[in-house]
Amino acid sequence: MSMVKVKAHPQPVAVVVEHDPDAPTEYQWAVHCPAIPACFSEGRTREEALQNIREVLREYFSLVGEGLQGQDVAIVEVVP
């Protein structure tokens, strides 16, 4: 069994951005990642919401990477 050291590299991730001008708080922009249901965030502006989801995803991938250390990991490419 060969072990692969998991290292971070930029990944494009599709996120859904929603705007609710009638939101009950100042956070009118919500963003979530359909592929990773646990990753969501919000912001006062669209740009802030996108920056926040980048931080959430960065932390998610960091934690996943830590959990994979020492595991037999195969990297596969999926072509739609």
N, C-alpha and C. Protein backbone atom coordinates (compact mmCIF):
# COMPACT_ATOMS: atom_id res chain seq x y z
N MET A 1 0.85 -1.17 0.00
CA MET A 1 0.00 0.00 0.00
C MET A 1 0.89 1.23 0.00
N SER A 2 0.68 2.15 -0.97
CA SER A 2 1.48 3.37 -1.02
C SER A 2 0.71 4.50 -0.35
N MET A 3 1.42 5.30 0.39
CA MET A 3 0.81 6.43 1.08
C MET A 3 1.08 7.70 0.27
N VAL A 4 0.09 8.53 0.18
CA VAL A 4 0.20 9.80 -0.52
C VAL A 4 0.12 10.90 0.52
N LYS A 5 1.10 11.80 0.51
CA LYS A 5 1.02 12.94 1.42
C LYS A 5 0.03 13.92 0.81
N VAL A 6 -0.98 14.26 1.57
CA VAL A 6 -2.02 15.15 1.09
C VAL A 6 -1.54 16.58 1.26
N LYS A 7 -1.54 17.34 0.15
CA LYS A 7 -1.16 18.73 0.26
C LYS A 7 -2.23 19.60 -0.38
N ALA A 8 -2.32 20.81 0.12
CA ALA A 8 -3.34 21.73 -0.37
C ALA A 8 -2.95 22.33 -1.70
N HIS A 9 -3.92 22.48 -2.55
CA HIS A 9 -3.73 23.21 -3.80
C HIS A 9 -5.08 23.84 -4.17
N PRO A 10 -5.04 24.95 -4.88
CA PRO A 10 -6.30 25.65 -5.21
C PRO A 10 -7.27 24.74 -5.94
N GLN A 11 -8.51 24.84 -5.57
CA GLN A 11 -9.57 24.04 -6.19
C GLN A 11 -10.73 24.96 -6.54
N PRO A 12 -11.25 24.89 -7.74
CA PRO A 12 -12.49 25.62 -8.01
C PRO A 12 -13.65 24.91 -7.32
N VAL A 13 -14.49 25.66 -6.67
CA VAL A 13 -15.64 25.10 -5.96
C VAL A 13 -16.87 25.93 -6.33
N ALA A 14 -17.91 25.28 -6.78
CA ALA A 14 -19.15 25.98 -7.11
C ALA A 14 -19.92 26.31 -5.83
N VAL A 15 -20.35 27.56 -5.72
CA VAL A 15 -21.16 27.98 -4.59
C VAL A 15 -22.39 28.71 -5.12
N VAL A 16 -23.43 28.70 -4.32
CA VAL A 16 -24.68 29.38 -4.66
C VAL A 16 -24.77 30.64 -3.81
N VAL A 17 -25.00 31.77 -4.47
CA VAL A 17 -25.12 33.05 -3.78
C VAL A 17 -26.58 33.50 -3.84
N GLU A 18 -27.10 33.87 -2.68
CA GLU A 18 -28.50 34.32 -2.61
C GLU A 18 -28.56 35.68 -1.94
N HIS A 19 -29.38 36.57 -2.48
CA HIS A 19 -29.54 37.90 -1.92
C HIS A 19 -30.97 38.06 -1.42
N ASP A 20 -31.11 38.52 -0.17
CA ASP A 20 -32.43 38.77 0.42
C ASP A 20 -32.45 40.19 0.98
N PRO A 21 -32.92 41.16 0.19
CA PRO A 21 -32.92 42.54 0.68
C PRO A 21 -33.84 42.76 1.87
N ASP A 22 -34.74 41.82 2.13
CA ASP A 22 -35.67 41.93 3.26
C ASP A 22 -35.22 41.10 4.46
N ALA A 23 -33.97 40.67 4.46
CA ALA A 23 -33.45 39.87 5.59
C ALA A 23 -33.60 40.65 6.89
N PRO A 24 -33.89 39.95 7.98
CA PRO A 24 -34.10 40.63 9.27
C PRO A 24 -32.81 41.16 9.91
N THR A 25 -31.67 40.84 9.34
CA THR A 25 -30.40 41.35 9.86
C THR A 25 -29.67 42.08 8.74
N GLU A 26 -28.52 42.63 9.05
CA GLU A 26 -27.72 43.33 8.04
C GLU A 26 -27.05 42.37 7.06
N TYR A 27 -27.07 41.09 7.36
CA TYR A 27 -26.45 40.09 6.50
C TYR A 27 -27.45 39.65 5.43
N GLN A 28 -27.47 40.39 4.33
CA GLN A 28 -28.46 40.15 3.28
C GLN A 28 -27.98 39.15 2.23
N TRP A 29 -26.72 38.77 2.28
CA TRP A 29 -26.17 37.84 1.29
C TRP A 29 -25.83 36.52 1.97
N ALA A 30 -26.32 35.42 1.40
CA ALA A 30 -26.03 34.08 1.91
C ALA A 30 -25.36 33.30 0.80
N VAL A 31 -24.46 32.42 1.18
CA VAL A 31 -23.75 31.60 0.19
C VAL A 31 -23.55 30.20 0.78
N HIS A 32 -23.73 29.19 -0.07
CA HIS A 32 -23.49 27.82 0.38
C HIS A 32 -22.91 27.00 -0.77
N CYS A 33 -22.33 25.87 -0.40
CA CYS A 33 -21.69 24.98 -1.36
C CYS A 33 -22.53 23.70 -1.46
N PRO A 34 -23.24 23.50 -2.56
CA PRO A 34 -24.10 22.31 -2.68
C PRO A 34 -23.34 21.00 -2.53
N ALA A 35 -22.08 20.95 -2.95
CA ALA A 35 -21.30 19.71 -2.87
C ALA A 35 -20.86 19.40 -1.44
N ILE A 36 -20.84 20.42 -0.58
CA ILE A 36 -20.41 20.23 0.81
C ILE A 36 -21.45 20.91 1.70
N PRO A 37 -22.52 20.20 2.03
CA PRO A 37 -23.64 20.82 2.75
C PRO A 37 -23.28 21.52 4.05
N ALA A 38 -22.21 21.13 4.69
CA ALA A 38 -21.83 21.76 5.96
C ALA A 38 -21.17 23.12 5.77
N CYS A 39 -20.89 23.51 4.53
CA CYS A 39 -20.17 24.76 4.27
C CYS A 39 -21.14 25.84 3.77
N PHE A 40 -21.35 26.84 4.62
CA PHE A 40 -22.21 27.95 4.26
C PHE A 40 -21.76 29.18 5.04
N SER A 41 -22.13 30.34 4.56
CA SER A 41 -21.78 31.58 5.24
C SER A 41 -22.70 32.69 4.78
N GLU A 42 -22.44 33.90 5.25
CA GLU A 42 -23.24 35.06 4.88
C GLU A 42 -22.37 36.31 4.95
N GLY A 43 -22.90 37.42 4.48
CA GLY A 43 -22.17 38.67 4.52
C GLY A 43 -23.09 39.85 4.30
N ARG A 44 -22.56 41.03 4.60
CA ARG A 44 -23.31 42.26 4.38
C ARG A 44 -23.37 42.61 2.90
N THR A 45 -22.33 42.18 2.17
CA THR A 45 -22.26 42.40 0.73
C THR A 45 -21.98 41.06 0.06
N ARG A 46 -22.17 41.02 -1.26
CA ARG A 46 -21.86 39.80 -2.01
C ARG A 46 -20.39 39.45 -1.86
N GLU A 47 -19.53 40.47 -1.97
CA GLU A 47 -18.09 40.24 -1.86
C GLU A 47 -17.71 39.69 -0.48
N GLU A 48 -18.32 40.24 0.57
CA GLU A 48 -18.03 39.76 1.92
C GLU A 48 -18.49 38.32 2.09
N ALA A 49 -19.67 38.00 1.56
CA ALA A 49 -20.17 36.62 1.66
C ALA A 49 -19.24 35.66 0.94
N LEU A 50 -18.75 36.04 -0.24
CA LEU A 50 -17.82 35.17 -0.98
C LEU A 50 -16.50 35.02 -0.25
N GLN A 51 -15.99 36.10 0.34
CA GLN A 51 -14.75 35.99 1.12
C GLN A 51 -14.96 35.06 2.32
N ASN A 52 -16.10 35.18 2.96
CA ASN A 52 -16.39 34.33 4.12
C ASN A 52 -16.47 32.86 3.74
N ILE A 53 -17.10 32.54 2.59
CA ILE A 53 -17.20 31.12 2.20
C ILE A 53 -15.82 30.60 1.81
N ARG A 54 -14.96 31.45 1.25
CA ARG A 54 -13.59 31.01 0.96
C ARG A 54 -12.89 30.57 2.25
N GLU A 55 -13.07 31.35 3.31
CA GLU A 55 -12.45 31.01 4.60
C GLU A 55 -13.04 29.72 5.15
N VAL A 56 -14.34 29.55 5.05
CA VAL A 56 -15.00 28.33 5.52
C VAL A 56 -14.47 27.12 4.75
N LEU A 57 -14.40 27.23 3.42
CA LEU A 57 -13.92 26.12 2.60
C LEU A 57 -12.44 25.83 2.87
N ARG A 58 -11.64 26.88 3.04
CA ARG A 58 -10.22 26.69 3.35
C ARG A 58 -10.07 25.88 4.64
N GLU A 59 -10.83 26.23 5.66
CA GLU A 59 -10.77 25.51 6.94
C GLU A 59 -11.28 24.08 6.78
N TYR A 60 -12.35 23.90 6.03
CA TYR A 60 -12.89 22.55 5.79
C TYR A 60 -11.85 21.66 5.13
N PHE A 61 -11.24 22.16 4.04
CA PHE A 61 -10.24 21.35 3.34
C PHE A 61 -9.01 21.09 4.20
N SER A 62 -8.65 22.04 5.04
CA SER A 62 -7.52 21.85 5.96
C SER A 62 -7.82 20.71 6.93
N LEU A 63 -9.02 20.73 7.50
CA LEU A 63 -9.39 19.67 8.45
C LEU A 63 -9.48 18.31 7.77
N VAL A 64 -10.03 18.27 6.56
CA VAL A 64 -10.12 17.02 5.82
C VAL A 64 -8.71 16.51 5.52
N GLY A 65 -7.83 17.41 5.10
CA GLY A 65 -6.44 17.03 4.80
C GLY A 65 -5.74 16.45 6.02
N GLU A 66 -5.94 17.07 7.17
CA GLU A 66 -5.33 16.55 8.40
C GLU A 66 -5.86 15.15 8.70
N GLY A 67 -7.14 14.93 8.49
CA GLY A 67 -7.75 13.63 8.77
C GLY A 67 -7.28 12.55 7.81
N LEU A 68 -6.79 12.94 6.63
CA LEU A 68 -6.34 11.96 5.65
C LEU A 68 -4.87 11.60 5.78
N GLN A 69 -4.13 12.35 6.57
CA GLN A 69 -2.70 12.06 6.72
C GLN A 69 -2.52 10.62 7.21
N GLY A 70 -1.61 9.91 6.55
CA GLY A 70 -1.34 8.53 6.92
C GLY A 70 -2.29 7.52 6.30
N GLN A 71 -3.27 7.99 5.55
CA GLN A 71 -4.24 7.11 4.90
C GLN A 71 -3.79 6.80 3.48
N ASP A 72 -4.27 5.72 2.94
CA ASP A 72 -4.03 5.39 1.54
C ASP A 72 -5.01 6.21 0.71
N VAL A 73 -4.52 7.26 0.06
CA VAL A 73 -5.35 8.20 -0.66
C VAL A 73 -5.06 8.12 -2.14
N ALA A 74 -6.07 8.01 -2.95
CA ALA A 74 -5.91 8.05 -4.41
C ALA A 74 -6.59 9.32 -4.91
N ILE A 75 -5.94 10.02 -5.79
CA ILE A 75 -6.51 11.21 -6.41
C ILE A 75 -7.10 10.79 -7.75
N VAL A 76 -8.38 11.02 -7.95
CA VAL A 76 -9.04 10.64 -9.20
C VAL A 76 -9.57 11.89 -9.88
N GLU A 77 -9.57 11.88 -11.19
CA GLU A 77 -10.11 12.97 -11.96
C GLU A 77 -11.44 12.51 -12.54
N VAL A 78 -12.45 13.33 -12.42
CA VAL A 78 -13.78 13.00 -12.91
C VAL A 78 -14.10 13.96 -14.06
N VAL A 79 -14.42 13.40 -15.21
CA VAL A 79 -14.79 14.21 -16.37
C VAL A 79 -16.28 14.02 -16.61
N PRO A 80 -17.04 15.10 -16.56
CA PRO A 80 -18.48 14.96 -16.77
C PRO A 80 -18.83 14.53 -18.18
